[in-house]
């Protein structure tokens, strides 16, 4: 399918990536493509960034018919622009779309559209190490119909915004509050899908945690409230008796691209990796007795976030004396080194944009 390109006649001034808040300064253009059940996907286009016109009856407003992705474009020291494992994001978006009964564009074409969009907006990719162009593909239902039915009209959209370094003062460990009231997801639900409803449902617990001085929550499973699942918007991992241990993907945990990359990188170093159910009481005791040597969250935004301690009801534990561990630092240095092109990509994870 041809992608039609209409360039803006009024380019914006680019913000300083060192000071711009996350997610508010959008680039000059956006990618759009429409779907209807009669014609399939059509009218792929890159056009000037502007408001959308949607019916108040659009199903995205009423039934949460929406999934999205988040990834970044990076500027290498040589000036090239590259993406990090974008095919994994398109694959996950397809899985999310299937769960929410949304039509998904062909994954290969969606990836080509993403690359073409970044090519058009490549001047927006900042140069400083740690900065990047955040990319947000979104798929949502546009049909104006309040009855519950299959979705016959949809839109695929990509927008972008330059973002500064996530860590302005270094990788400082955070404290996590283990949530024991609300639940994020249950097996059979939408926990593995990257859809807006999951994040809306998680907002209350996150707000309560912030009010108590915690950076974010750590979720337990939604059935027994017994097993560790993931952090607020990030996966959780532990260096546990020399092994890399993380909750297994069970249908209620988001299959993070960074999570997958860390597991593969650790295996390449000869580190034993374990994916299993982790009872929260076992985790707390392992922190107390030193079996858990390091803990960290991982995701696209921060890559890794060291965890210095957990609070579970009246119990409090500290990890690695509330300092970042050598293994966590090594993972961060190697992943970001590949993403920003400061070291060789021996895994074949990066995709260069023209």
Protein backbone atom coordinates (compact mmCIF):
# COMPACT_ATOMS: atom_id res chain seq x y z
CA UNK A 1 0.00 0.00 0.00
CA UNK A 2 1.30 3.44 -0.89
CA UNK A 3 1.84 5.89 1.95
CA UNK A 4 0.89 9.40 0.89
CA UNK A 5 2.94 12.17 2.48
CA UNK A 6 1.73 15.74 3.02
CA UNK A 7 4.35 17.87 4.73
CA UNK A 8 3.46 20.72 7.05
CA UNK A 9 3.85 24.29 5.86
CA UNK A 10 4.22 25.50 9.45
CA UNK A 11 7.00 23.53 11.17
CA UNK A 12 7.18 23.87 14.93
CA UNK A 13 10.13 25.06 16.96
CA UNK A 14 11.82 22.04 18.50
CA UNK A 15 11.91 22.03 22.31
CA UNK A 16 15.02 21.50 24.40
CA UNK A 17 15.02 17.74 25.10
CA UNK A 18 16.87 18.37 28.35
CA UNK A 19 13.92 20.22 29.84
CA UNK A 20 10.81 19.19 27.88
CA UNK A 21 8.21 17.31 29.99
CA UNK A 22 7.42 13.80 28.81
CA UNK A 23 4.61 13.45 26.30
CA UNK A 24 3.52 17.05 25.69
CA UNK A 25 5.62 18.35 22.77
CA UNK A 26 4.50 16.54 19.63
CA UNK A 27 6.31 16.49 16.29
CA UNK A 28 5.13 18.10 13.06
CA UNK A 29 3.36 15.07 11.58
CA UNK A 30 1.33 11.97 12.33
CA UNK A 31 0.60 8.74 10.50
CA UNK A 32 -3.02 7.75 9.93
CA UNK A 33 -4.71 4.80 8.24
CA UNK A 34 -8.39 3.88 8.14
CA UNK A 35 -10.24 0.58 8.29
CA UNK A 36 -13.75 -0.50 7.43
CA UNK A 37 -15.07 -4.01 7.05
CA UNK A 38 -15.93 -3.47 3.37
CA UNK A 39 -12.61 -2.04 2.17
CA UNK A 40 -10.15 -3.29 4.79
CA UNK A 41 -7.20 -1.06 5.67
CA UNK A 42 -6.76 1.89 3.29
CA UNK A 43 -5.70 5.53 2.89
CA UNK A 44 -2.31 5.28 4.61
CA UNK A 45 -0.97 8.79 5.01
CA UNK A 46 1.49 11.00 6.85
CA UNK A 47 -0.06 14.40 7.42
CA UNK A 48 0.52 17.49 9.60
CA UNK A 49 -0.18 16.88 13.28
CA UNK A 50 -3.71 18.05 14.07
CA UNK A 51 -6.79 17.24 16.11
CA UNK A 52 -8.91 14.28 15.02
CA UNK A 53 -12.59 14.46 14.17
CA UNK A 54 -14.50 11.59 15.81
CA UNK A 55 -18.18 11.02 16.46
CA UNK A 56 -19.21 11.27 20.12
CA UNK A 57 -20.63 7.79 19.55
CA UNK A 58 -17.27 6.27 18.57
CA UNK A 59 -16.77 2.91 20.30
CA UNK A 60 -13.34 3.93 21.61
CA UNK A 61 -15.07 6.34 24.00
CA UNK A 62 -17.71 3.97 25.30
CA UNK A 63 -16.19 0.49 25.31
CA UNK A 64 -12.45 1.08 25.52
CA UNK A 65 -11.79 -0.29 22.02
CA UNK A 66 -8.12 0.75 22.00
CA UNK A 67 -4.61 -0.68 22.19
CA UNK A 68 -1.26 1.07 21.92
CA UNK A 69 2.50 0.63 21.91
CA UNK A 70 5.49 2.61 23.12
CA UNK A 71 8.98 2.56 21.65
CA UNK A 72 11.78 4.99 20.81
CA UNK A 73 13.98 6.22 18.00
CA UNK A 74 17.60 6.89 18.98
CA UNK A 75 20.37 9.03 17.49
CA UNK A 76 23.72 7.24 17.24
CA UNK A 77 27.08 9.01 17.74
CA UNK A 78 27.51 8.93 13.96
CA UNK A 79 24.21 10.74 13.40
CA UNK A 80 22.14 7.78 12.20
CA UNK A 81 18.65 7.10 13.55
CA UNK A 82 17.70 3.63 14.73
CA UNK A 83 14.86 1.73 16.38
CA UNK A 84 15.15 -1.01 18.99
CA UNK A 85 13.31 -4.25 18.19
CA UNK A 86 10.28 -2.53 16.60
CA UNK A 87 9.04 -5.84 15.18
CA UNK A 88 8.44 -7.00 18.76
CA UNK A 89 6.17 -4.00 19.38
CA UNK A 90 4.15 -4.69 16.24
CA UNK A 91 3.87 -8.36 17.21
CA UNK A 92 2.63 -7.43 20.67
CA UNK A 93 0.19 -4.90 19.25
CA UNK A 94 -1.27 -7.63 17.05
CA UNK A 95 -1.75 -9.84 20.11
CA UNK A 96 -3.37 -6.97 22.02
CA UNK A 97 -5.67 -6.18 19.09
CA UNK A 98 -6.80 -9.79 18.84
CA UNK A 99 -7.74 -9.79 22.53
CA UNK A 100 -9.85 -6.64 22.15
CA UNK A 101 -11.36 -7.74 18.80
CA UNK A 102 -9.78 -4.84 16.93
CA UNK A 103 -8.70 -5.21 13.29
CA UNK A 104 -4.89 -5.11 13.07
CA UNK A 105 -2.95 -3.92 10.04
CA UNK A 106 -0.48 -6.36 8.54
CA UNK A 107 2.47 -6.37 10.96
CA UNK A 108 5.05 -5.97 8.19
CA UNK A 109 3.21 -2.97 6.75
CA UNK A 110 2.72 -1.43 10.21
CA UNK A 111 6.47 -1.69 10.73
CA UNK A 112 7.18 -0.09 7.35
CA UNK A 113 4.74 2.70 8.19
CA UNK A 114 6.54 3.27 11.49
CA UNK A 115 9.92 3.45 9.75
CA UNK A 116 8.61 5.83 7.08
CA UNK A 117 7.09 8.05 9.76
CA UNK A 118 10.40 8.21 11.66
CA UNK A 119 12.19 8.95 8.39
CA UNK A 120 9.92 11.96 7.86
CA UNK A 121 10.41 13.11 11.48
CA UNK A 122 14.10 12.18 11.85
CA UNK A 123 15.14 15.80 12.49
CA UNK A 124 13.10 15.55 15.70
CA UNK A 125 15.33 12.77 17.07
CA UNK A 126 17.57 14.59 19.57
CA UNK A 127 21.34 14.08 19.63
CA UNK A 128 22.26 14.03 23.31
CA UNK A 129 22.90 10.62 24.87
CA UNK A 130 19.88 9.59 26.95
CA UNK A 131 17.41 11.61 24.87
CA UNK A 132 15.19 10.06 22.20
CA UNK A 133 12.05 10.37 20.11
CA UNK A 134 9.22 8.53 21.83
CA UNK A 135 6.85 6.80 19.39
CA UNK A 136 3.22 5.98 20.19
CA UNK A 137 1.35 3.72 17.73
CA UNK A 138 -2.36 3.58 18.61
CA UNK A 139 -5.18 1.42 17.24
CA UNK A 140 -8.77 2.27 18.09
CA UNK A 141 -12.39 1.79 17.05
CA UNK A 142 -14.04 4.77 15.35
CA UNK A 143 -17.48 3.40 14.50
CA UNK A 144 -20.38 5.43 15.92
CA UNK A 145 -22.55 2.68 17.34
CA UNK A 146 -23.49 2.14 20.99
CA UNK A 147 -24.60 -1.45 20.57
CA UNK A 148 -22.13 -4.16 21.55
CA UNK A 149 -20.91 -5.74 18.33
CA UNK A 150 -17.85 -6.50 16.22
CA UNK A 151 -15.86 -3.40 15.27
CA UNK A 152 -16.38 -2.42 11.63
CA UNK A 153 -14.46 0.87 11.53
CA UNK A 154 -11.09 1.68 13.07
CA UNK A 155 -8.01 3.86 12.76
CA UNK A 156 -4.29 3.17 13.14
CA UNK A 157 -2.28 6.20 14.21
CA UNK A 158 1.34 6.98 15.07
CA UNK A 159 2.40 10.13 16.89
CA UNK A 160 5.72 11.08 18.46
CA UNK A 161 7.33 13.41 20.97
CA UNK A 162 10.97 14.14 21.85
CA UNK A 163 11.88 13.14 25.40
CA UNK A 164 14.80 13.88 27.66
CA UNK A 165 16.91 11.54 29.70
CA UNK A 166 14.80 9.53 32.16
CA UNK A 167 17.55 9.75 34.77
CA UNK A 168 18.72 13.31 35.24
CA UNK A 169 20.61 12.51 38.45
CA UNK A 170 21.75 8.95 37.80
CA UNK A 171 20.05 5.63 38.47
CA UNK A 172 18.65 6.16 41.95
CA UNK A 173 16.84 3.21 43.61
CA UNK A 174 13.11 3.60 44.26
CA UNK A 175 10.81 2.25 46.96
CA UNK A 176 7.82 0.15 45.89
CA UNK A 177 4.56 -0.31 47.77
CA UNK A 178 3.12 -3.80 47.33
CA UNK A 179 -0.57 -3.32 46.53
CA UNK A 180 -2.86 -5.59 48.56
CA UNK A 181 -6.28 -4.07 47.81
CA UNK A 182 -6.73 -3.30 44.12
CA UNK A 183 -5.71 -5.74 41.39
CA UNK A 184 -4.38 -4.89 37.95
CA UNK A 185 -5.51 -7.92 35.97
CA UNK A 186 -6.52 -11.57 36.12
CA UNK A 187 -5.72 -14.52 33.89
CA UNK A 188 -8.25 -14.60 31.08
CA UNK A 189 -8.55 -10.82 31.21
CA UNK A 190 -6.55 -8.18 29.35
CA UNK A 191 -3.44 -8.07 31.54
CA UNK A 192 -1.15 -9.26 28.73
CA UNK A 193 -2.61 -6.69 26.31
CA UNK A 194 -1.30 -3.14 26.15
CA UNK A 195 -4.63 -1.37 26.34
CA UNK A 196 -5.66 1.86 28.01
CA UNK A 197 -8.16 0.19 30.32
CA UNK A 198 -5.38 -1.60 32.19
CA UNK A 199 -3.67 1.69 32.97
CA UNK A 200 -6.90 3.43 33.96
CA UNK A 201 -7.70 0.59 36.37
CA UNK A 202 -4.22 0.90 37.89
CA UNK A 203 -4.38 4.65 38.46
CA UNK A 204 -6.04 4.60 41.90
CA UNK A 205 -3.43 2.36 43.48
CA UNK A 206 -0.64 4.39 41.90
CA UNK A 207 -2.07 7.62 43.28
CA UNK A 208 -2.37 6.16 46.76
CA UNK A 209 1.23 4.96 46.62
CA UNK A 210 2.48 8.39 45.56
CA UNK A 211 0.58 10.04 48.41
CA UNK A 212 2.49 7.77 50.80
CA UNK A 213 5.82 8.68 49.24
CA UNK A 214 6.39 5.63 47.04
CA UNK A 215 7.48 5.80 43.42
CA UNK A 216 5.00 3.17 42.24
CA UNK A 217 3.24 -0.03 43.23
CA UNK A 218 4.13 -3.68 42.85
CA UNK A 219 1.10 -5.69 41.78
CA UNK A 220 0.09 -9.10 43.07
CA UNK A 221 -1.99 -11.63 41.15
CA UNK A 222 -5.69 -10.89 40.96
CA UNK A 223 -6.96 -14.27 42.21
CA UNK A 224 -5.05 -15.26 45.32
CA UNK A 225 -3.32 -11.91 46.02
CA UNK A 226 -0.28 -14.05 46.70
CA UNK A 227 2.13 -13.95 43.75
CA UNK A 228 4.28 -11.05 42.56
CA UNK A 229 3.35 -9.93 39.03
CA UNK A 230 4.71 -6.58 37.82
CA UNK A 231 5.38 -2.98 38.78
CA UNK A 232 3.26 -0.02 37.81
CA UNK A 233 3.88 0.06 34.06
CA UNK A 234 7.08 -2.00 34.22
CA UNK A 235 8.11 -5.63 34.66
CA UNK A 236 9.96 -6.69 37.83
CA UNK A 237 13.19 -8.73 38.03
CA UNK A 238 15.52 -9.99 40.77
CA UNK A 239 19.14 -11.07 41.00
CA UNK A 240 18.44 -13.96 43.35
CA UNK A 241 21.30 -16.16 44.52
CA UNK A 242 23.19 -15.31 41.35
CA UNK A 243 20.30 -16.12 39.02
CA UNK A 244 18.01 -13.72 37.18
CA UNK A 245 14.47 -14.43 38.40
CA UNK A 246 11.25 -12.86 37.13
CA UNK A 247 7.52 -13.70 37.28
CA UNK A 248 6.45 -16.03 34.48
CA UNK A 249 4.12 -14.76 31.78
CA UNK A 250 0.75 -16.18 32.76
CA UNK A 251 -1.74 -14.12 30.77
CA UNK A 252 -2.06 -11.28 33.26
CA UNK A 253 1.47 -9.86 32.90
CA UNK A 254 2.55 -7.60 30.03
CA UNK A 255 5.20 -9.33 27.87
CA UNK A 256 7.67 -6.46 27.91
CA UNK A 257 10.14 -6.01 25.06
CA UNK A 258 12.79 -4.80 27.52
CA UNK A 259 12.01 -7.79 29.76
CA UNK A 260 12.57 -10.16 26.85
CA UNK A 261 15.79 -8.40 25.85
CA UNK A 262 17.21 -8.54 29.38
CA UNK A 263 16.49 -12.26 29.65
CA UNK A 264 18.20 -12.89 26.32
CA UNK A 265 21.18 -10.69 27.21
CA UNK A 266 21.63 -12.35 30.62
CA UNK A 267 21.56 -15.81 29.01
CA UNK A 268 24.26 -14.69 26.55
CA UNK A 269 26.45 -13.84 29.56
CA UNK A 270 25.95 -17.31 31.00
CA UNK A 271 23.56 -16.16 33.72
CA UNK A 272 20.85 -18.67 34.63
CA UNK A 273 17.39 -17.20 34.08
CA UNK A 274 14.25 -18.38 35.84
CA UNK A 275 10.64 -17.49 35.02
CA UNK A 276 8.26 -18.78 37.69
CA UNK A 277 5.55 -17.89 40.16
CA UNK A 278 7.03 -15.84 43.00
CA UNK A 279 5.06 -15.83 46.29
CA UNK A 280 5.28 -12.36 47.82
CA UNK A 281 6.15 -13.76 51.26
CA UNK A 282 9.03 -15.73 49.75
CA UNK A 283 10.27 -12.59 48.02
CA UNK A 284 10.10 -10.53 51.22
CA UNK A 285 12.01 -13.19 53.18
CA UNK A 286 14.63 -13.45 50.42
CA UNK A 287 15.16 -9.69 50.66
CA UNK A 288 15.56 -9.94 54.43
CA UNK A 289 18.09 -12.77 54.35
CA UNK A 290 20.09 -11.42 51.42
CA UNK A 291 19.20 -14.10 48.89
CA UNK A 292 17.79 -11.32 46.71
CA UNK A 293 20.93 -9.37 45.92
CA UNK A 294 19.38 -6.85 43.53
CA UNK A 295 15.91 -5.90 42.32
CA UNK A 296 14.87 -3.71 39.42
CA UNK A 297 11.94 -2.83 37.18
CA UNK A 298 12.36 -2.68 33.41
CA UNK A 299 10.54 -1.06 30.52
CA UNK A 300 10.91 1.19 27.49
CA UNK A 301 10.79 4.51 29.34
CA UNK A 302 13.58 3.93 31.87
CA UNK A 303 15.18 0.70 30.57
CA UNK A 304 15.91 -0.35 34.16
CA UNK A 305 14.90 1.20 37.47
CA UNK A 306 16.76 -0.15 40.51
CA UNK A 307 14.55 -0.99 43.49
CA UNK A 308 15.93 -0.22 46.94
CA UNK A 309 13.11 -1.62 49.03
CA UNK A 310 9.58 -2.95 49.34
CA UNK A 311 6.75 -2.27 51.77
CA UNK A 312 4.05 -4.90 52.23
CA UNK A 313 1.52 -3.94 54.86
CA UNK A 314 3.57 -3.41 58.02
CA UNK A 315 6.60 -5.23 56.61
CA UNK A 316 9.51 -3.29 55.14
CA UNK A 317 12.65 -4.68 53.52
CA UNK A 318 15.72 -3.14 51.92
CA UNK A 319 17.58 -4.47 48.87
CA UNK A 320 21.35 -4.05 48.44
CA UNK A 321 21.50 -1.32 51.09
CA UNK A 322 19.25 0.82 48.88
CA UNK A 323 21.97 1.09 46.22
CA UNK A 324 22.05 0.11 42.57
CA UNK A 325 23.75 -3.25 42.06
CA UNK A 326 26.57 -4.03 39.66
CA UNK A 327 24.41 -6.43 37.63
CA UNK A 328 21.61 -3.87 37.23
CA UNK A 329 24.14 -1.23 36.17
CA UNK A 330 25.71 -3.62 33.65
CA UNK A 331 22.32 -4.39 32.11
CA UNK A 332 21.52 -0.68 31.82
CA UNK A 333 24.90 0.17 30.29
CA UNK A 334 24.75 -2.62 27.72
CA UNK A 335 21.13 -2.11 26.68
CA UNK A 336 21.45 1.65 26.33
CA UNK A 337 24.80 1.19 24.61
CA UNK A 338 23.06 -0.85 21.91
CA UNK A 339 20.03 1.46 21.72
CA UNK A 340 22.09 4.62 21.26
CA UNK A 341 24.67 2.94 19.04
CA UNK A 342 27.58 3.32 21.45
CA UNK A 343 28.43 -0.39 21.24
CA UNK A 344 28.04 -3.16 18.68
CA UNK A 345 24.64 -4.81 18.39
CA UNK A 346 25.63 -8.46 18.38
CA UNK A 347 21.98 -9.51 18.82
CA UNK A 348 20.65 -7.88 15.64
CA UNK A 349 18.09 -5.89 17.62
CA UNK A 350 18.45 -2.45 16.04
CA UNK A 351 16.82 -1.25 12.81
CA UNK A 352 18.36 1.72 11.01
CA UNK A 353 16.01 4.31 9.53
CA UNK A 354 16.97 5.90 6.22
